Amino acid sequence: MILRHGHPADLPFLFEVCHRTGHNGLDASEVVSDRLLLGYYFAAPYVVRDPHWCWTAVDEQGVAGYLVATPDSRAFAGWMNSHWLPTVRSLYPQTENPARSATETWIRNTIHDAAGVPDFVDGYPAHLHIDFLPRAQGQGLGTKLIGAFLDQLRSEGVPGFHLGVGLENTKAQAFYAKQGFQEIRKAPGVLFLGLKL
């Protein structure tokens, strides 16, 4: 397995990894009908905007996992609103479909909302998303990518970061606890964790 910075050429793989881990760490195929939908919000924009803050784990089958991040959540939200989401919204116009799952309805609505930041962002300005396919789990790769992320935060003087994890995703919560992440807040359906450096 090779660990390296992300590249826009990785996008097809990132969409796939995001979809296959997008339901509390499990395959989202049963709850999200479009295999690109989750990636358009949670993976692709990070690599498009700044690959320097993205890392991938690559094996002979392609990208098996990633960590995508931004050091400045406020600036990232501004860029999402002005440059990224208008195009994504044109791909996914707002339509009613009672057959959609609650998860798909939520992400489709989220795309049409303005991207924002939590009120604790001053203390934790960076944020990240990290996902690995089953074939890449349990090998210490997540710890290595988080280590690279932390080193870069420190080298660039970023004072802290946060992330959100589903309340039902107890496997991910256990992993983050081992990394030393601390609880910031619980909200409906999500646990916010972070670390000040």
N, C-alpha and C. Protein backbone atom coordinates (compact mmCIF):
# COMPACT_ATOMS: atom_id res chain seq x y z
N MET A 1 0.85 -1.19 0.00
CA MET A 1 0.00 0.00 0.00
C MET A 1 0.89 1.24 0.00
N ILE A 2 0.61 2.16 -0.89
CA ILE A 2 1.35 3.42 -0.99
C ILE A 2 0.50 4.54 -0.42
N LEU A 3 1.09 5.37 0.43
CA LEU A 3 0.42 6.54 0.96
C LEU A 3 1.02 7.77 0.29
N ARG A 4 0.17 8.64 -0.25
CA ARG A 4 0.67 9.82 -0.96
C ARG A 4 -0.39 10.91 -0.91
N HIS A 5 0.03 12.11 -1.33
CA HIS A 5 -0.94 13.20 -1.44
C HIS A 5 -1.95 12.87 -2.55
N GLY A 6 -3.17 13.39 -2.37
CA GLY A 6 -4.20 13.18 -3.37
C GLY A 6 -3.94 13.97 -4.64
N HIS A 7 -4.69 13.62 -5.68
CA HIS A 7 -4.55 14.26 -6.98
C HIS A 7 -5.92 14.24 -7.65
N PRO A 8 -6.27 15.25 -8.44
CA PRO A 8 -7.57 15.22 -9.13
C PRO A 8 -7.82 13.95 -9.93
N ALA A 9 -6.75 13.30 -10.40
CA ALA A 9 -6.94 12.05 -11.13
C ALA A 9 -7.51 10.95 -10.25
N ASP A 10 -7.45 11.13 -8.93
CA ASP A 10 -8.00 10.13 -8.00
C ASP A 10 -9.52 10.23 -7.86
N LEU A 11 -10.13 11.26 -8.44
CA LEU A 11 -11.55 11.53 -8.16
C LEU A 11 -12.47 10.34 -8.38
N PRO A 12 -12.37 9.58 -9.48
CA PRO A 12 -13.28 8.44 -9.63
C PRO A 12 -13.20 7.46 -8.47
N PHE A 13 -11.99 7.24 -7.95
CA PHE A 13 -11.82 6.33 -6.82
C PHE A 13 -12.38 6.94 -5.54
N LEU A 14 -12.19 8.24 -5.35
CA LEU A 14 -12.70 8.88 -4.15
C LEU A 14 -14.23 8.82 -4.10
N PHE A 15 -14.86 9.05 -5.24
CA PHE A 15 -16.32 8.91 -5.28
C PHE A 15 -16.74 7.50 -4.85
N GLU A 16 -16.03 6.50 -5.34
CA GLU A 16 -16.39 5.12 -5.03
C GLU A 16 -16.17 4.80 -3.55
N VAL A 17 -15.02 5.21 -3.01
CA VAL A 17 -14.76 4.96 -1.59
C VAL A 17 -15.78 5.67 -0.73
N CYS A 18 -16.10 6.90 -1.07
CA CYS A 18 -17.07 7.67 -0.29
C CYS A 18 -18.43 6.97 -0.28
N HIS A 19 -18.86 6.49 -1.44
CA HIS A 19 -20.15 5.81 -1.51
C HIS A 19 -20.13 4.50 -0.72
N ARG A 20 -19.06 3.76 -0.84
CA ARG A 20 -18.99 2.43 -0.21
C ARG A 20 -18.72 2.48 1.29
N THR A 21 -18.50 3.67 1.82
CA THR A 21 -18.32 3.84 3.27
C THR A 21 -19.26 4.89 3.84
N GLY A 22 -20.21 5.37 3.04
CA GLY A 22 -20.98 6.55 3.38
C GLY A 22 -22.20 6.36 4.26
N HIS A 23 -22.43 5.15 4.73
CA HIS A 23 -23.58 4.90 5.60
C HIS A 23 -23.05 4.38 6.94
N ASN A 24 -22.63 5.31 7.79
CA ASN A 24 -22.02 4.96 9.08
C ASN A 24 -20.86 3.98 8.92
N GLY A 25 -20.04 4.23 7.90
CA GLY A 25 -18.88 3.39 7.64
C GLY A 25 -19.14 2.21 6.74
N LEU A 26 -20.39 1.98 6.39
CA LEU A 26 -20.77 0.85 5.54
C LEU A 26 -21.21 1.33 4.17
N ASP A 27 -21.39 0.40 3.26
CA ASP A 27 -21.82 0.71 1.90
C ASP A 27 -23.17 1.42 1.92
N ALA A 28 -23.24 2.54 1.21
CA ALA A 28 -24.46 3.35 1.19
C ALA A 28 -25.42 2.97 0.08
N SER A 29 -25.13 1.90 -0.65
CA SER A 29 -25.94 1.58 -1.83
C SER A 29 -27.41 1.37 -1.52
N GLU A 30 -27.74 0.89 -0.33
CA GLU A 30 -29.15 0.63 0.00
C GLU A 30 -29.90 1.90 0.39
N VAL A 31 -29.16 2.99 0.69
CA VAL A 31 -29.84 4.21 1.15
C VAL A 31 -29.60 5.41 0.24
N VAL A 32 -28.63 5.33 -0.68
CA VAL A 32 -28.35 6.42 -1.61
C VAL A 32 -28.26 5.82 -3.01
N SER A 33 -29.15 6.24 -3.90
CA SER A 33 -29.25 5.61 -5.21
C SER A 33 -28.15 6.03 -6.18
N ASP A 34 -27.63 7.24 -6.02
CA ASP A 34 -26.63 7.78 -6.93
C ASP A 34 -25.24 7.60 -6.31
N ARG A 35 -24.34 6.91 -7.00
CA ARG A 35 -23.04 6.56 -6.43
C ARG A 35 -22.09 7.75 -6.34
N LEU A 36 -22.45 8.88 -6.95
CA LEU A 36 -21.59 10.06 -6.90
C LEU A 36 -22.05 11.09 -5.86
N LEU A 37 -23.28 10.96 -5.42
CA LEU A 37 -23.92 12.01 -4.63
C LEU A 37 -23.13 12.36 -3.37
N LEU A 38 -22.78 11.39 -2.55
CA LEU A 38 -22.07 11.67 -1.31
C LEU A 38 -20.68 12.25 -1.58
N GLY A 39 -20.01 11.73 -2.59
CA GLY A 39 -18.68 12.21 -2.91
C GLY A 39 -18.64 13.65 -3.36
N TYR A 40 -19.70 14.11 -4.00
CA TYR A 40 -19.74 15.50 -4.43
C TYR A 40 -19.70 16.47 -3.25
N TYR A 41 -20.07 16.00 -2.08
CA TYR A 41 -20.06 16.88 -0.90
C TYR A 41 -18.92 16.57 0.05
N PHE A 42 -18.62 15.30 0.25
CA PHE A 42 -17.72 14.91 1.32
C PHE A 42 -16.31 14.52 0.88
N ALA A 43 -16.03 14.46 -0.41
CA ALA A 43 -14.70 14.04 -0.85
C ALA A 43 -14.15 14.91 -1.98
N ALA A 44 -14.85 14.95 -3.09
CA ALA A 44 -14.31 15.60 -4.30
C ALA A 44 -13.92 17.06 -4.11
N PRO A 45 -14.71 17.90 -3.44
CA PRO A 45 -14.34 19.32 -3.40
C PRO A 45 -13.00 19.58 -2.73
N TYR A 46 -12.62 18.74 -1.80
CA TYR A 46 -11.35 18.94 -1.10
C TYR A 46 -10.17 18.73 -2.04
N VAL A 47 -10.23 17.68 -2.84
CA VAL A 47 -9.13 17.38 -3.76
C VAL A 47 -9.10 18.40 -4.89
N VAL A 48 -10.26 18.83 -5.35
CA VAL A 48 -10.31 19.83 -6.41
C VAL A 48 -9.73 21.16 -5.92
N ARG A 49 -10.08 21.56 -4.71
CA ARG A 49 -9.64 22.87 -4.20
C ARG A 49 -8.18 22.88 -3.78
N ASP A 50 -7.75 21.82 -3.07
CA ASP A 50 -6.38 21.86 -2.53
C ASP A 50 -5.87 20.44 -2.26
N PRO A 51 -5.30 19.77 -3.27
CA PRO A 51 -4.78 18.40 -3.07
C PRO A 51 -3.68 18.33 -2.01
N HIS A 52 -3.04 19.46 -1.73
CA HIS A 52 -1.99 19.52 -0.71
C HIS A 52 -2.50 19.08 0.66
N TRP A 53 -3.81 19.21 0.88
CA TRP A 53 -4.41 18.84 2.15
C TRP A 53 -5.20 17.53 2.05
N CYS A 54 -4.85 16.72 1.09
CA CYS A 54 -5.52 15.42 0.90
C CYS A 54 -4.47 14.33 0.74
N TRP A 55 -4.79 13.17 1.28
CA TRP A 55 -3.90 12.01 1.19
C TRP A 55 -4.70 10.79 0.76
N THR A 56 -4.04 9.87 0.05
CA THR A 56 -4.70 8.64 -0.40
C THR A 56 -3.84 7.43 -0.06
N ALA A 57 -4.52 6.32 0.13
CA ALA A 57 -3.87 5.02 0.27
C ALA A 57 -4.17 4.24 -1.00
N VAL A 58 -3.12 3.84 -1.70
CA VAL A 58 -3.27 3.25 -3.04
C VAL A 58 -2.65 1.86 -3.07
N ASP A 59 -3.42 0.88 -3.59
CA ASP A 59 -2.87 -0.45 -3.83
C ASP A 59 -3.04 -0.80 -5.30
N GLU A 60 -2.84 -2.07 -5.64
CA GLU A 60 -2.89 -2.46 -7.05
C GLU A 60 -4.27 -2.29 -7.66
N GLN A 61 -5.31 -2.17 -6.83
CA GLN A 61 -6.67 -1.97 -7.33
C GLN A 61 -7.05 -0.49 -7.43
N GLY A 62 -6.19 0.37 -6.92
CA GLY A 62 -6.49 1.79 -6.96
C GLY A 62 -6.54 2.39 -5.57
N VAL A 63 -7.23 3.51 -5.43
CA VAL A 63 -7.35 4.18 -4.15
C VAL A 63 -8.27 3.36 -3.24
N ALA A 64 -7.72 2.97 -2.08
CA ALA A 64 -8.48 2.16 -1.13
C ALA A 64 -8.92 2.95 0.08
N GLY A 65 -8.47 4.19 0.19
CA GLY A 65 -8.85 5.03 1.31
C GLY A 65 -8.29 6.43 1.12
N TYR A 66 -8.80 7.35 1.92
CA TYR A 66 -8.35 8.73 1.80
C TYR A 66 -8.56 9.49 3.10
N LEU A 67 -7.82 10.56 3.23
CA LEU A 67 -8.09 11.60 4.21
C LEU A 67 -8.12 12.90 3.42
N VAL A 68 -9.25 13.57 3.44
CA VAL A 68 -9.38 14.86 2.77
C VAL A 68 -9.67 15.91 3.83
N ALA A 69 -9.07 17.09 3.66
CA ALA A 69 -9.15 18.09 4.72
C ALA A 69 -9.01 19.49 4.17
N THR A 70 -9.28 20.43 5.05
CA THR A 70 -9.01 21.84 4.79
C THR A 70 -8.48 22.44 6.07
N PRO A 71 -7.48 23.32 5.99
CA PRO A 71 -6.98 23.95 7.21
C PRO A 71 -7.85 25.10 7.69
N ASP A 72 -8.76 25.59 6.85
CA ASP A 72 -9.56 26.78 7.16
C ASP A 72 -11.00 26.50 6.75
N SER A 73 -11.80 26.05 7.71
CA SER A 73 -13.18 25.66 7.40
C SER A 73 -14.02 26.82 6.91
N ARG A 74 -13.78 28.03 7.42
CA ARG A 74 -14.56 29.19 6.97
C ARG A 74 -14.27 29.49 5.51
N ALA A 75 -13.00 29.52 5.14
CA ALA A 75 -12.65 29.79 3.75
C ALA A 75 -13.17 28.70 2.83
N PHE A 76 -13.12 27.46 3.31
CA PHE A 76 -13.60 26.35 2.51
C PHE A 76 -15.11 26.47 2.27
N ALA A 77 -15.86 26.81 3.32
CA ALA A 77 -17.31 26.98 3.17
C ALA A 77 -17.63 28.10 2.18
N GLY A 78 -16.86 29.19 2.23
CA GLY A 78 -17.07 30.26 1.28
C GLY A 78 -16.84 29.81 -0.15
N TRP A 79 -15.78 29.02 -0.36
CA TRP A 79 -15.48 28.51 -1.69
C TRP A 79 -16.57 27.52 -2.14
N MET A 80 -17.03 26.69 -1.23
CA MET A 80 -18.11 25.76 -1.58
C MET A 80 -19.33 26.53 -2.08
N ASN A 81 -19.69 27.57 -1.36
CA ASN A 81 -20.90 28.32 -1.71
C ASN A 81 -20.75 29.09 -3.01
N SER A 82 -19.58 29.62 -3.29
CA SER A 82 -19.42 30.45 -4.48
C SER A 82 -18.98 29.67 -5.72
N HIS A 83 -18.22 28.59 -5.54
CA HIS A 83 -17.61 27.93 -6.68
C HIS A 83 -18.06 26.48 -6.90
N TRP A 84 -18.34 25.75 -5.84
CA TRP A 84 -18.58 24.32 -6.00
C TRP A 84 -20.06 23.95 -6.01
N LEU A 85 -20.79 24.37 -5.01
CA LEU A 85 -22.17 23.91 -4.87
C LEU A 85 -23.10 24.38 -5.99
N PRO A 86 -22.92 25.56 -6.59
CA PRO A 86 -23.83 25.91 -7.69
C PRO A 86 -23.82 24.89 -8.82
N THR A 87 -22.65 24.35 -9.15
CA THR A 87 -22.58 23.33 -10.20
C THR A 87 -23.21 22.03 -9.74
N VAL A 88 -22.94 21.63 -8.50
CA VAL A 88 -23.51 20.39 -7.98
C VAL A 88 -25.03 20.48 -7.93
N ARG A 89 -25.55 21.64 -7.56
CA ARG A 89 -27.00 21.82 -7.50
C ARG A 89 -27.64 21.67 -8.88
N SER A 90 -26.91 22.08 -9.92
CA SER A 90 -27.46 21.92 -11.27
C SER A 90 -27.54 20.45 -11.66
N LEU A 91 -26.68 19.64 -11.08
CA LEU A 91 -26.72 18.19 -11.35
C LEU A 91 -27.83 17.50 -10.57
N TYR A 92 -28.17 18.07 -9.41
CA TYR A 92 -29.17 17.48 -8.53
C TYR A 92 -30.23 18.52 -8.16
N PRO A 93 -31.10 18.87 -9.10
CA PRO A 93 -32.15 19.86 -8.78
C PRO A 93 -33.07 19.34 -7.69
N GLN A 94 -33.64 20.26 -6.96
CA GLN A 94 -34.54 19.87 -5.87
C GLN A 94 -35.84 19.32 -6.43
N THR A 95 -36.10 18.09 -6.14
CA THR A 95 -37.34 17.43 -6.56
C THR A 95 -37.84 16.56 -5.42
N GLU A 96 -39.12 16.39 -5.33
CA GLU A 96 -39.70 15.53 -4.32
C GLU A 96 -39.75 14.10 -4.85
N ASN A 97 -39.36 13.16 -4.01
CA ASN A 97 -39.44 11.74 -4.37
C ASN A 97 -39.64 10.94 -3.09
N PRO A 98 -40.88 10.57 -2.79
CA PRO A 98 -41.15 9.85 -1.53
C PRO A 98 -40.47 8.50 -1.45
N ALA A 99 -39.97 7.98 -2.57
CA ALA A 99 -39.29 6.69 -2.55
C ALA A 99 -37.86 6.80 -2.01
N ARG A 100 -37.33 8.01 -1.93
CA ARG A 100 -35.97 8.18 -1.45
C ARG A 100 -35.88 7.89 0.05
N SER A 101 -34.73 7.39 0.45
CA SER A 101 -34.49 7.16 1.87
C SER A 101 -34.30 8.49 2.59
N ALA A 102 -34.37 8.45 3.91
CA ALA A 102 -34.13 9.66 4.70
C ALA A 102 -32.70 10.16 4.49
N THR A 103 -31.76 9.23 4.33
CA THR A 103 -30.36 9.62 4.12
C THR A 103 -30.19 10.35 2.80
N GLU A 104 -30.78 9.81 1.73
CA GLU A 104 -30.64 10.47 0.43
C GLU A 104 -31.36 11.82 0.42
N THR A 105 -32.51 11.89 1.04
CA THR A 105 -33.23 13.15 1.12
C THR A 105 -32.39 14.19 1.86
N TRP A 106 -31.74 13.76 2.94
CA TRP A 106 -30.91 14.67 3.72
C TRP A 106 -29.74 15.21 2.91
N ILE A 107 -28.99 14.36 2.21
CA ILE A 107 -27.83 14.84 1.48
C ILE A 107 -28.25 15.71 0.30
N ARG A 108 -29.37 15.36 -0.36
CA ARG A 108 -29.84 16.21 -1.45
C ARG A 108 -30.25 17.59 -0.93
N ASN A 109 -30.88 17.65 0.23
CA ASN A 109 -31.23 18.94 0.81
C ASN A 109 -29.99 19.70 1.25
N THR A 110 -29.01 19.00 1.80
CA THR A 110 -27.78 19.63 2.26
C THR A 110 -27.06 20.32 1.12
N ILE A 111 -27.05 19.70 -0.04
CA ILE A 111 -26.40 20.30 -1.21
C ILE A 111 -27.04 21.65 -1.56
N HIS A 112 -28.32 21.78 -1.29
CA HIS A 112 -29.03 23.02 -1.64
C HIS A 112 -29.02 24.04 -0.51
N ASP A 113 -28.49 23.67 0.65
CA ASP A 113 -28.31 24.63 1.73
C ASP A 113 -26.94 25.29 1.59
N ALA A 114 -26.79 26.45 2.17
CA ALA A 114 -25.48 27.10 2.19
C ALA A 114 -24.56 26.33 3.11
N ALA A 115 -23.34 26.07 2.65
CA ALA A 115 -22.34 25.44 3.51
C ALA A 115 -21.99 26.40 4.63
N GLY A 116 -21.88 25.89 5.82
CA GLY A 116 -21.56 26.71 6.97
C GLY A 116 -20.51 26.06 7.84
N VAL A 117 -20.25 26.64 8.99
CA VAL A 117 -19.27 26.11 9.92
C VAL A 117 -19.88 26.10 11.32
N PRO A 118 -19.44 25.18 12.19
CA PRO A 118 -19.94 25.17 13.56
C PRO A 118 -19.43 26.37 14.35
N ASP A 119 -20.12 26.68 15.43
CA ASP A 119 -19.75 27.87 16.20
C ASP A 119 -18.44 27.70 16.98
N PHE A 120 -17.90 26.49 17.02
CA PHE A 120 -16.64 26.28 17.72
C PHE A 120 -15.44 26.31 16.77
N VAL A 121 -15.64 26.78 15.54
CA VAL A 121 -14.60 26.69 14.52
C VAL A 121 -13.36 27.54 14.84
N ASP A 122 -13.50 28.59 15.64
CA ASP A 122 -12.33 29.40 15.96
C ASP A 122 -11.25 28.59 16.66
N GLY A 123 -11.68 27.70 17.54
CA GLY A 123 -10.71 26.87 18.25
C GLY A 123 -10.27 25.65 17.48
N TYR A 124 -11.07 25.25 16.49
CA TYR A 124 -10.79 24.05 15.71
C TYR A 124 -11.00 24.37 14.22
N PRO A 125 -10.17 25.23 13.64
CA PRO A 125 -10.46 25.76 12.30
C PRO A 125 -10.37 24.76 11.16
N ALA A 126 -9.54 23.75 11.27
CA ALA A 126 -9.43 22.74 10.22
C ALA A 126 -10.50 21.67 10.40
N HIS A 127 -10.83 20.96 9.34
CA HIS A 127 -11.66 19.76 9.48
C HIS A 127 -11.27 18.74 8.43
N LEU A 128 -11.71 17.51 8.65
CA LEU A 128 -11.31 16.41 7.77
C LEU A 128 -12.42 15.38 7.64
N HIS A 129 -12.27 14.55 6.59
CA HIS A 129 -13.05 13.33 6.40
C HIS A 129 -12.06 12.22 6.08
N ILE A 130 -12.24 11.05 6.67
CA ILE A 130 -11.34 9.93 6.42
C ILE A 130 -12.17 8.67 6.23
N ASP A 131 -11.88 7.92 5.17
CA ASP A 131 -12.63 6.70 4.86
C ASP A 131 -11.70 5.67 4.23
N PHE A 132 -11.91 4.40 4.59
CA PHE A 132 -11.16 3.30 4.00
C PHE A 132 -12.10 2.17 3.62
N LEU A 133 -11.85 1.57 2.46
CA LEU A 133 -12.57 0.36 2.08
C LEU A 133 -12.17 -0.79 2.99
N PRO A 134 -13.01 -1.81 3.11
CA PRO A 134 -12.68 -2.93 4.01
C PRO A 134 -11.30 -3.54 3.77
N ARG A 135 -10.87 -3.61 2.52
CA ARG A 135 -9.59 -4.25 2.24
C ARG A 135 -8.39 -3.47 2.79
N ALA A 136 -8.62 -2.20 3.14
CA ALA A 136 -7.53 -1.37 3.65
C ALA A 136 -7.67 -1.09 5.15
N GLN A 137 -8.67 -1.65 5.78
CA GLN A 137 -8.89 -1.39 7.20
C GLN A 137 -8.05 -2.33 8.06
N GLY A 138 -7.76 -1.87 9.27
CA GLY A 138 -7.04 -2.70 10.23
C GLY A 138 -5.56 -2.85 9.96
N GLN A 139 -4.99 -1.99 9.13
CA GLN A 139 -3.57 -2.07 8.78
C GLN A 139 -2.76 -0.89 9.32
N GLY A 140 -3.40 -0.03 10.09
CA GLY A 140 -2.70 1.13 10.61
C GLY A 140 -2.61 2.30 9.65
N LEU A 141 -3.30 2.19 8.51
CA LEU A 141 -3.20 3.25 7.50
C LEU A 141 -3.87 4.54 7.96
N GLY A 142 -5.00 4.40 8.64
CA GLY A 142 -5.68 5.59 9.13
C GLY A 142 -4.81 6.37 10.11
N THR A 143 -4.14 5.65 10.99
CA THR A 143 -3.24 6.30 11.95
C THR A 143 -2.12 7.02 11.21
N LYS A 144 -1.57 6.41 10.17
CA LYS A 144 -0.49 7.05 9.41
C LYS A 144 -0.97 8.31 8.69
N LEU A 145 -2.15 8.24 8.09
CA LEU A 145 -2.65 9.43 7.40
C LEU A 145 -2.98 10.55 8.38
N ILE A 146 -3.54 10.21 9.52
CA ILE A 146 -3.80 11.24 10.53
C ILE A 146 -2.49 11.83 11.02
N GLY A 147 -1.46 11.00 11.16
CA GLY A 147 -0.15 11.52 11.55
C GLY A 147 0.38 12.52 10.54
N ALA A 148 0.24 12.22 9.25
CA ALA A 148 0.68 13.16 8.21
C ALA A 148 -0.12 14.45 8.26
N PHE A 149 -1.42 14.33 8.50
CA PHE A 149 -2.30 15.49 8.61
C PHE A 149 -1.89 16.36 9.79
N LEU A 150 -1.64 15.74 10.95
CA LEU A 150 -1.25 16.50 12.14
C LEU A 150 0.10 17.19 11.94
N ASP A 151 1.03 16.50 11.30
CA ASP A 151 2.34 17.11 11.04
C ASP A 151 2.18 18.36 10.17
N GLN A 152 1.31 18.27 9.18
CA GLN A 152 1.12 19.42 8.29
C GLN A 152 0.40 20.56 9.00
N LEU A 153 -0.57 20.23 9.85
CA LEU A 153 -1.23 21.27 10.64
C LEU A 153 -0.21 22.02 11.48
N ARG A 154 0.63 21.27 12.18
CA ARG A 154 1.63 21.90 13.05
C ARG A 154 2.62 22.74 12.25
N SER A 155 3.05 22.21 11.11
CA SER A 155 4.05 22.94 10.32
C SER A 155 3.50 24.24 9.76
N GLU A 156 2.18 24.31 9.59
CA GLU A 156 1.57 25.51 9.03
C GLU A 156 0.85 26.35 10.09
N GLY A 157 1.03 25.97 11.35
CA GLY A 157 0.53 26.78 12.45
C GLY A 157 -0.97 26.77 12.63
N VAL A 158 -1.63 25.70 12.22
CA VAL A 158 -3.08 25.57 12.41
C VAL A 158 -3.33 25.06 13.82
N PRO A 159 -4.14 25.75 14.64
CA PRO A 159 -4.23 25.43 16.07
C PRO A 159 -5.12 24.26 16.45
N GLY A 160 -5.92 23.74 15.53
CA GLY A 160 -6.79 22.63 15.89
C GLY A 160 -7.67 22.23 14.73
N PHE A 161 -8.37 21.11 14.91
CA PHE A 161 -9.26 20.60 13.85
C PHE A 161 -10.45 19.92 14.49
N HIS A 162 -11.47 19.71 13.66
CA HIS A 162 -12.66 18.98 14.11
C HIS A 162 -13.13 18.05 13.00
N LEU A 163 -14.02 17.16 13.37
CA LEU A 163 -14.73 16.31 12.41
C LEU A 163 -16.05 15.90 13.02
N GLY A 164 -16.95 15.43 12.18
CA GLY A 164 -18.23 14.90 12.64
C GLY A 164 -18.31 13.43 12.31
N VAL A 165 -18.83 12.64 13.23
CA VAL A 165 -19.01 11.21 13.02
C VAL A 165 -20.42 10.83 13.45
N GLY A 166 -21.05 9.96 12.68
CA GLY A 166 -22.41 9.53 13.01
C GLY A 166 -22.48 8.88 14.37
N LEU A 167 -23.53 9.16 15.12
CA LEU A 167 -23.68 8.57 16.45
C LEU A 167 -23.75 7.04 16.39
N GLU A 168 -24.21 6.51 15.27
CA GLU A 168 -24.30 5.06 15.13
C GLU A 168 -22.98 4.42 14.68
N ASN A 169 -22.03 5.23 14.28
CA ASN A 169 -20.77 4.70 13.77
C ASN A 169 -19.79 4.50 14.92
N THR A 170 -20.07 3.50 15.74
CA THR A 170 -19.27 3.27 16.94
C THR A 170 -17.86 2.78 16.61
N LYS A 171 -17.70 2.09 15.49
CA LYS A 171 -16.37 1.63 15.09
C LYS A 171 -15.44 2.82 14.84
N ALA A 172 -15.94 3.80 14.10
CA ALA A 172 -15.14 4.99 13.84
C ALA A 172 -14.88 5.77 15.13
N GLN A 173 -15.88 5.85 15.99
CA GLN A 173 -15.69 6.56 17.25
C GLN A 173 -14.58 5.93 18.08
N ALA A 174 -14.53 4.60 18.10
CA ALA A 174 -13.47 3.91 18.84
C ALA A 174 -12.10 4.21 18.24
N PHE A 175 -12.04 4.25 16.91
CA PHE A 175 -10.77 4.58 16.24
C PHE A 175 -10.32 5.99 16.61
N TYR A 176 -11.24 6.95 16.55
CA TYR A 176 -10.88 8.33 16.86
C TYR A 176 -10.45 8.48 18.32
N ALA A 177 -11.08 7.72 19.21
CA ALA A 177 -10.69 7.78 20.62
C ALA A 177 -9.24 7.33 20.79
N LYS A 178 -8.85 6.30 20.04
CA LYS A 178 -7.46 5.83 20.11
C LYS A 178 -6.48 6.87 19.58
N GLN A 179 -6.95 7.73 18.68
CA GLN A 179 -6.10 8.79 18.14
C GLN A 179 -6.00 9.99 19.09
N GLY A 180 -6.75 9.95 20.18
CA GLY A 180 -6.71 11.04 21.14
C GLY A 180 -7.69 12.16 20.87
N PHE A 181 -8.61 11.96 19.92
CA PHE A 181 -9.60 12.99 19.64
C PHE A 181 -10.52 13.15 20.84
N GLN A 182 -10.97 14.36 21.08
CA GLN A 182 -11.80 14.66 22.23
C GLN A 182 -13.19 15.12 21.79
N GLU A 183 -14.18 14.78 22.58
CA GLU A 183 -15.55 15.20 22.24
C GLU A 183 -15.70 16.70 22.41
N ILE A 184 -16.26 17.32 21.38
CA ILE A 184 -16.57 18.74 21.43
C ILE A 184 -18.05 18.93 21.75
N ARG A 185 -18.90 18.18 21.04
CA ARG A 185 -20.34 18.37 21.21
C ARG A 185 -21.10 17.20 20.58
N LYS A 186 -22.24 16.89 21.15
CA LYS A 186 -23.19 15.99 20.50
C LYS A 186 -24.32 16.82 19.92
N ALA A 187 -24.73 16.45 18.71
CA ALA A 187 -25.86 17.10 18.05
C ALA A 187 -26.74 15.98 17.51
N PRO A 188 -27.94 16.28 17.06
CA PRO A 188 -28.79 15.22 16.53
C PRO A 188 -28.12 14.39 15.44
N GLY A 189 -27.85 13.13 15.73
CA GLY A 189 -27.30 12.22 14.75
C GLY A 189 -25.80 12.28 14.56
N VAL A 190 -25.12 13.23 15.20
CA VAL A 190 -23.69 13.40 14.95
C VAL A 190 -22.94 13.74 16.23
N LEU A 191 -21.73 13.23 16.32
CA LEU A 191 -20.82 13.55 17.41
C LEU A 191 -19.66 14.34 16.83
N PHE A 192 -19.41 15.53 17.35
CA PHE A 192 -18.28 16.33 16.90
C PHE A 192 -17.08 16.05 17.81
N LEU A 193 -15.97 15.71 17.17
CA LEU A 193 -14.72 15.45 17.87
C LEU A 193 -13.66 16.40 17.35
N GLY A 194 -12.61 16.58 18.11
CA GLY A 194 -11.54 17.43 17.64
C GLY A 194 -10.32 17.35 18.51
N LEU A 195 -9.37 18.18 18.18
CA LEU A 195 -8.11 18.22 18.92
C LEU A 195 -7.50 19.60 18.72
N LYS A 196 -7.04 20.18 19.82
CA LYS A 196 -6.28 21.43 19.76
C LYS A 196 -4.81 21.09 19.81
N LEU A 197 -4.03 21.74 18.95
CA LEU A 197 -2.61 21.43 18.84
C LEU A 197 -1.75 22.46 19.58
